[in-house]
Amino acid sequence: ELGSFIGKRTMKLWKKTFGSAPRQELLVWSLVCSRQLQSLWDAPDLWVGVWRWVWLRVMALRLVGLEPHPTEPPPKSPFEVSMLYFQHHLQRALHCGNPNCAAPYFFATRKRQKYCSDSCAAYGQRLAKSRWWAEHGEEWRKKRRVKKTSQTKAKKKGKNDAKKR
């Protein structure tokens, strides 16, 4: 029953890594953890992000039966290593600006990066261009019409001058 919920491949990997099948409460907690991680990722500022990060680490320690010690670090685990990485790169943990992005959580590689990939950045460029056209399009078209009519008049004048010679 549990294997059909998380998939056979995940169950095999879990058994190979940890030696036994995952308990159902562990799966429930992992869902809660993923939601908390998403809220950490989408934190409105650094203070809230750090607070959520600390809470997530404390809850993870309690799940495996450890109480956080004020002076001793927890045992190094893949989770703790990933949390340490997250702590060091918290300001680069972003949510993709494309609302249709399939994997919206990413670490920015450039300072002003807003999108996770080039395809999502193309969405942002289309959005910016449509906003520009909505704001400036009518004015641009009007200038373009004036410019074209003056060019057409100049061409006609040039042809008339050539005929007179």
C-alpha atoms as a PDB file:
ATOM      1  CA  GLU A   1       0.000   0.000   0.000  1.00  0.00           C
ATOM      2  CA  LEU A   2       2.763   2.451   0.942  1.00  0.00           C
ATOM      3  CA  GLY A   3       4.820   1.388  -2.085  1.00  0.00           C
ATOM      4  CA  SER A   4       2.029   2.312  -4.477  1.00  0.00           C
ATOM      5  CA  PHE A   5       1.743   5.730  -2.795  1.00  0.00           C
ATOM      6  CA  ILE A   6       5.398   6.740  -3.203  1.00  0.00           C
ATOM      7  CA  GLY A   7       6.414   4.405  -6.028  1.00  0.00           C
ATOM      8  CA  LYS A   8       8.462   1.188  -6.181  1.00  0.00           C
ATOM      9  CA  ARG A   9      11.658   2.912  -7.272  1.00  0.00           C
ATOM     10  CA  THR A  10      11.522   5.311  -4.322  1.00  0.00           C
ATOM     11  CA  MET A  11      10.842   2.409  -1.949  1.00  0.00           C
ATOM     12  CA  LYS A  12      13.889   0.511  -3.290  1.00  0.00           C
ATOM     13  CA  LEU A  13      16.105   3.567  -2.948  1.00  0.00           C
ATOM     14  CA  TRP A  14      14.806   4.233   0.562  1.00  0.00           C
ATOM     15  CA  LYS A  15      15.448   0.622   1.670  1.00  0.00           C
ATOM     16  CA  LYS A  16      18.933   0.681   0.150  1.00  0.00           C
ATOM     17  CA  THR A  17      19.798   3.972   1.861  1.00  0.00           C
ATOM     18  CA  PHE A  18      18.167   3.516   5.268  1.00  0.00           C
ATOM     19  CA  GLY A  19      17.838  -0.281   5.579  1.00  0.00           C
ATOM     20  CA  SER A  20      14.059  -0.487   5.986  1.00  0.00           C
ATOM     21  CA  ALA A  21      10.836   0.773   4.469  1.00  0.00           C
ATOM     22  CA  PRO A  22       9.721   4.259   5.490  1.00  0.00           C
ATOM     23  CA  ARG A  23       7.104   4.580   8.204  1.00  0.00           C
ATOM     24  CA  GLN A  24       3.832   6.196   7.213  1.00  0.00           C
ATOM     25  CA  GLU A  25       4.280   9.056   9.714  1.00  0.00           C
ATOM     26  CA  LEU A  26       7.661   9.773   8.107  1.00  0.00           C
ATOM     27  CA  LEU A  27       5.954  10.206   4.746  1.00  0.00           C
ATOM     28  CA  VAL A  28       3.363  12.522   6.267  1.00  0.00           C
ATOM     29  CA  TRP A  29       6.149  14.530   7.869  1.00  0.00           C
ATOM     30  CA  SER A  30       8.021  14.696   4.562  1.00  0.00           C
ATOM     31  CA  LEU A  31       4.928  16.251   2.974  1.00  0.00           C
ATOM     32  CA  VAL A  32       4.772  18.789   5.806  1.00  0.00           C
ATOM     33  CA  CYS A  33       8.502  19.352   5.396  1.00  0.00           C
ATOM     34  CA  SER A  34       8.133  20.004   1.674  1.00  0.00           C
ATOM     35  CA  ARG A  35       5.404  22.580   2.362  1.00  0.00           C
ATOM     36  CA  GLN A  36       7.577  24.230   5.022  1.00  0.00           C
ATOM     37  CA  LEU A  37      10.527  24.244   2.606  1.00  0.00           C
ATOM     38  CA  GLN A  38       8.353  25.939  -0.009  1.00  0.00           C
ATOM     39  CA  SER A  39       7.251  28.571   2.520  1.00  0.00           C
ATOM     40  CA  LEU A  40      10.908  29.068   3.469  1.00  0.00           C
ATOM     41  CA  TRP A  41      11.773  29.519  -0.214  1.00  0.00           C
ATOM     42  CA  ASP A  42       8.993  32.069  -0.673  1.00  0.00           C
ATOM     43  CA  ALA A  43       9.776  33.978   2.540  1.00  0.00           C
ATOM     44  CA  PRO A  44       9.123  37.715   2.150  1.00  0.00           C
ATOM     45  CA  ASP A  45      12.473  38.667   3.686  1.00  0.00           C
ATOM     46  CA  LEU A  46      15.682  37.199   5.120  1.00  0.00           C
ATOM     47  CA  TRP A  47      14.493  37.302   8.742  1.00  0.00           C
ATOM     48  CA  VAL A  48      11.401  35.193   8.022  1.00  0.00           C
ATOM     49  CA  GLY A  49      13.468  32.843   5.841  1.00  0.00           C
ATOM     50  CA  VAL A  50      16.039  32.236   8.589  1.00  0.00           C
ATOM     51  CA  TRP A  51      13.304  31.681  11.166  1.00  0.00           C
ATOM     52  CA  ARG A  52      11.575  29.089   8.964  1.00  0.00           C
ATOM     53  CA  TRP A  53      14.934  27.461   8.231  1.00  0.00           C
ATOM     54  CA  VAL A  54      15.666  27.040  11.971  1.00  0.00           C
ATOM     55  CA  TRP A  55      12.177  25.640  12.627  1.00  0.00           C
ATOM     56  CA  LEU A  56      12.559  23.106   9.819  1.00  0.00           C
ATOM     57  CA  ARG A  57      15.901  21.879  11.150  1.00  0.00           C
ATOM     58  CA  VAL A  58      14.560  21.514  14.719  1.00  0.00           C
ATOM     59  CA  MET A  59      11.539  19.573  13.472  1.00  0.00           C
ATOM     60  CA  ALA A  60      13.801  17.282  11.414  1.00  0.00           C
ATOM     61  CA  LEU A  61      15.968  16.516  14.436  1.00  0.00           C
ATOM     62  CA  ARG A  62      12.917  15.730  16.559  1.00  0.00           C
ATOM     63  CA  LEU A  63      11.578  13.430  13.859  1.00  0.00           C
ATOM     64  CA  VAL A  64      14.644  11.199  14.108  1.00  0.00           C
ATOM     65  CA  GLY A  65      14.455  11.264  17.912  1.00  0.00           C
ATOM     66  CA  LEU A  66      17.114  13.876  18.674  1.00  0.00           C
ATOM     67  CA  GLU A  67      16.664  17.022  20.708  1.00  0.00           C
ATOM     68  CA  PRO A  68      18.610  20.037  19.443  1.00  0.00           C
ATOM     69  CA  HIS A  69      21.618  20.663  21.688  1.00  0.00           C
ATOM     70  CA  PRO A  70      22.580  24.314  22.296  1.00  0.00           C
ATOM     71  CA  THR A  71      26.340  23.730  21.939  1.00  0.00           C
ATOM     72  CA  GLU A  72      26.741  20.527  19.931  1.00  0.00           C
ATOM     73  CA  PRO A  73      25.933  20.323  16.229  1.00  0.00           C
ATOM     74  CA  PRO A  74      23.638  17.559  15.027  1.00  0.00           C
ATOM     75  CA  PRO A  75      25.105  14.520  13.260  1.00  0.00           C
ATOM     76  CA  LYS A  76      25.995  15.189   9.641  1.00  0.00           C
ATOM     77  CA  SER A  77      23.308  13.750   7.393  1.00  0.00           C
ATOM     78  CA  PRO A  78      22.276  14.462   3.801  1.00  0.00           C
ATOM     79  CA  PHE A  79      19.451  16.570   5.208  1.00  0.00           C
ATOM     80  CA  GLU A  80      21.819  18.618   7.409  1.00  0.00           C
ATOM     81  CA  VAL A  81      24.248  19.112   4.521  1.00  0.00           C
ATOM     82  CA  SER A  82      21.428  20.349   2.285  1.00  0.00           C
ATOM     83  CA  MET A  83      20.167  22.640   5.068  1.00  0.00           C
ATOM     84  CA  LEU A  84      23.676  24.077   5.478  1.00  0.00           C
ATOM     85  CA  TYR A  85      23.843  24.750   1.750  1.00  0.00           C
ATOM     86  CA  PHE A  86      20.413  26.363   1.921  1.00  0.00           C
ATOM     87  CA  GLN A  87      21.524  28.552   4.840  1.00  0.00           C
ATOM     88  CA  HIS A  88      24.545  29.836   2.924  1.00  0.00           C
ATOM     89  CA  HIS A  89      22.528  30.511  -0.226  1.00  0.00           C
ATOM     90  CA  LEU A  90      19.216  31.640   1.280  1.00  0.00           C
ATOM     91  CA  GLN A  91      19.270  34.986  -0.534  1.00  0.00           C
ATOM     92  CA  ARG A  92      19.721  33.187  -3.871  1.00  0.00           C
ATOM     93  CA  ALA A  93      16.813  30.811  -3.285  1.00  0.00           C
ATOM     94  CA  LEU A  94      14.136  32.215  -5.572  1.00  0.00           C
ATOM     95  CA  HIS A  95      10.721  31.405  -6.963  1.00  0.00           C
ATOM     96  CA  CYS A  96      10.558  31.614 -10.767  1.00  0.00           C
ATOM     97  CA  GLY A  97       8.670  34.619 -12.122  1.00  0.00           C
ATOM     98  CA  ASN A  98       6.852  32.463 -14.666  1.00  0.00           C
ATOM     99  CA  PRO A  99       3.530  31.358 -13.134  1.00  0.00           C
ATOM    100  CA  ASN A 100       3.438  28.343 -15.497  1.00  0.00           C
ATOM    101  CA  CYS A 101       6.907  27.059 -14.550  1.00  0.00           C
ATOM    102  CA  ALA A 102       7.011  23.304 -13.889  1.00  0.00           C
ATOM    103  CA  ALA A 103       9.845  23.578 -11.306  1.00  0.00           C
ATOM    104  CA  PRO A 104       9.574  27.100  -9.860  1.00  0.00           C
ATOM    105  CA  TYR A 105      12.101  26.770  -7.013  1.00  0.00           C
ATOM    106  CA  PHE A 106      15.720  27.474  -7.978  1.00  0.00           C
ATOM    107  CA  PHE A 107      18.998  29.045  -6.855  1.00  0.00           C
ATOM    108  CA  ALA A 108      19.886  32.159  -8.830  1.00  0.00           C
ATOM    109  CA  THR A 109      23.267  32.150 -10.545  1.00  0.00           C
ATOM    110  CA  ARG A 110      23.200  35.904 -11.315  1.00  0.00           C
ATOM    111  CA  LYS A 111      22.312  38.816  -9.039  1.00  0.00           C
ATOM    112  CA  ARG A 112      19.315  40.156 -10.963  1.00  0.00           C
ATOM    113  CA  GLN A 113      18.000  36.771 -12.103  1.00  0.00           C
ATOM    114  CA  LYS A 114      14.210  36.427 -11.869  1.00  0.00           C
ATOM    115  CA  TYR A 115      13.594  33.298 -13.933  1.00  0.00           C
ATOM    116  CA  CYS A 116      14.922  29.755 -13.544  1.00  0.00           C
ATOM    117  CA  SER A 117      15.726  29.126 -17.218  1.00  0.00           C
ATOM    118  CA  ASP A 118      15.943  30.744 -20.647  1.00  0.00           C
ATOM    119  CA  SER A 119      12.489  29.476 -21.597  1.00  0.00           C
ATOM    120  CA  CYS A 120      10.959  31.092 -18.503  1.00  0.00           C
ATOM    121  CA  ALA A 121      12.966  34.263 -19.154  1.00  0.00           C
ATOM    122  CA  ALA A 122      11.399  34.359 -22.645  1.00  0.00           C
ATOM    123  CA  TYR A 123       8.007  34.514 -20.900  1.00  0.00           C
ATOM    124  CA  GLY A 124       9.246  37.536 -18.942  1.00  0.00           C
ATOM    125  CA  GLN A 125      10.526  39.228 -22.089  1.00  0.00           C
ATOM    126  CA  ARG A 126       7.166  38.736 -23.823  1.00  0.00           C
ATOM    127  CA  LEU A 127       5.425  40.194 -20.776  1.00  0.00           C
ATOM    128  CA  ALA A 128       7.734  43.235 -20.714  1.00  0.00           C
ATOM    129  CA  LYS A 129       7.272  43.829 -24.438  1.00  0.00           C
ATOM    130  CA  SER A 130       3.481  43.614 -24.220  1.00  0.00           C
ATOM    131  CA  ARG A 131       3.525  46.086 -21.310  1.00  0.00           C
ATOM    132  CA  TRP A 132       5.733  48.459 -23.336  1.00  0.00           C
ATOM    133  CA  TRP A 133       3.407  48.257 -26.342  1.00  0.00           C
ATOM    134  CA  ALA A 134       0.384  48.871 -24.123  1.00  0.00           C
ATOM    135  CA  GLU A 135       2.031  52.001 -22.672  1.00  0.00           C
ATOM    136  CA  HIS A 136       3.927  53.396 -25.694  1.00  0.00           C
ATOM    137  CA  GLY A 137       2.553  51.637 -28.779  1.00  0.00           C
ATOM    138  CA  GLU A 138       0.071  54.266 -29.905  1.00  0.00           C
ATOM    139  CA  GLU A 139       2.642  57.060 -29.624  1.00  0.00           C
ATOM    140  CA  TRP A 140       5.262  54.970 -31.474  1.00  0.00           C
ATOM    141  CA  ARG A 141       2.815  54.171 -34.307  1.00  0.00           C
ATOM    142  CA  LYS A 142       1.872  57.839 -34.649  1.00  0.00           C
ATOM    143  CA  LYS A 143       5.560  58.873 -34.952  1.00  0.00           C
ATOM    144  CA  ARG A 144       6.137  56.064 -37.423  1.00  0.00           C
ATOM    145  CA  ARG A 145       3.228  57.240 -39.618  1.00  0.00           C
ATOM    146  CA  VAL A 146       4.553  60.816 -39.632  1.00  0.00           C
ATOM    147  CA  LYS A 147       8.040  59.592 -40.483  1.00  0.00           C
ATOM    148  CA  LYS A 148       6.772  57.343 -43.307  1.00  0.00           C
ATOM    149  CA  THR A 149       4.644  60.104 -44.864  1.00  0.00           C
ATOM    150  CA  SER A 150       7.564  62.541 -44.794  1.00  0.00           C
ATOM    151  CA  GLN A 151       9.823  59.905 -46.401  1.00  0.00           C
ATOM    152  CA  THR A 152       7.202  59.221 -49.082  1.00  0.00           C
ATOM    153  CA  LYS A 153       6.892  62.936 -49.833  1.00  0.00           C
ATOM    154  CA  ALA A 154      10.668  63.266 -50.076  1.00  0.00           C
ATOM    155  CA  LYS A 155      10.835  60.350 -52.528  1.00  0.00           C
ATOM    156  CA  LYS A 156       8.085  61.826 -54.687  1.00  0.00           C
ATOM    157  CA  LYS A 157       9.808  65.198 -54.642  1.00  0.00           C
ATOM    158  CA  GLY A 158      13.066  63.542 -55.687  1.00  0.00           C
ATOM    159  CA  LYS A 159      11.330  61.827 -58.626  1.00  0.00           C
ATOM    160  CA  ASN A 160       9.670  65.077 -59.738  1.00  0.00           C
ATOM    161  CA  ASP A 161      13.028  66.888 -59.637  1.00  0.00           C
ATOM    162  CA  ALA A 162      14.602  64.150 -61.781  1.00  0.00           C
ATOM    163  CA  LYS A 163      11.787  64.434 -64.376  1.00  0.00           C
ATOM    164  CA  LYS A 164      12.305  68.206 -64.677  1.00  0.00           C
ATOM    165  CA  ARG A 165      15.972  67.786 -65.640  1.00  0.00           C
END
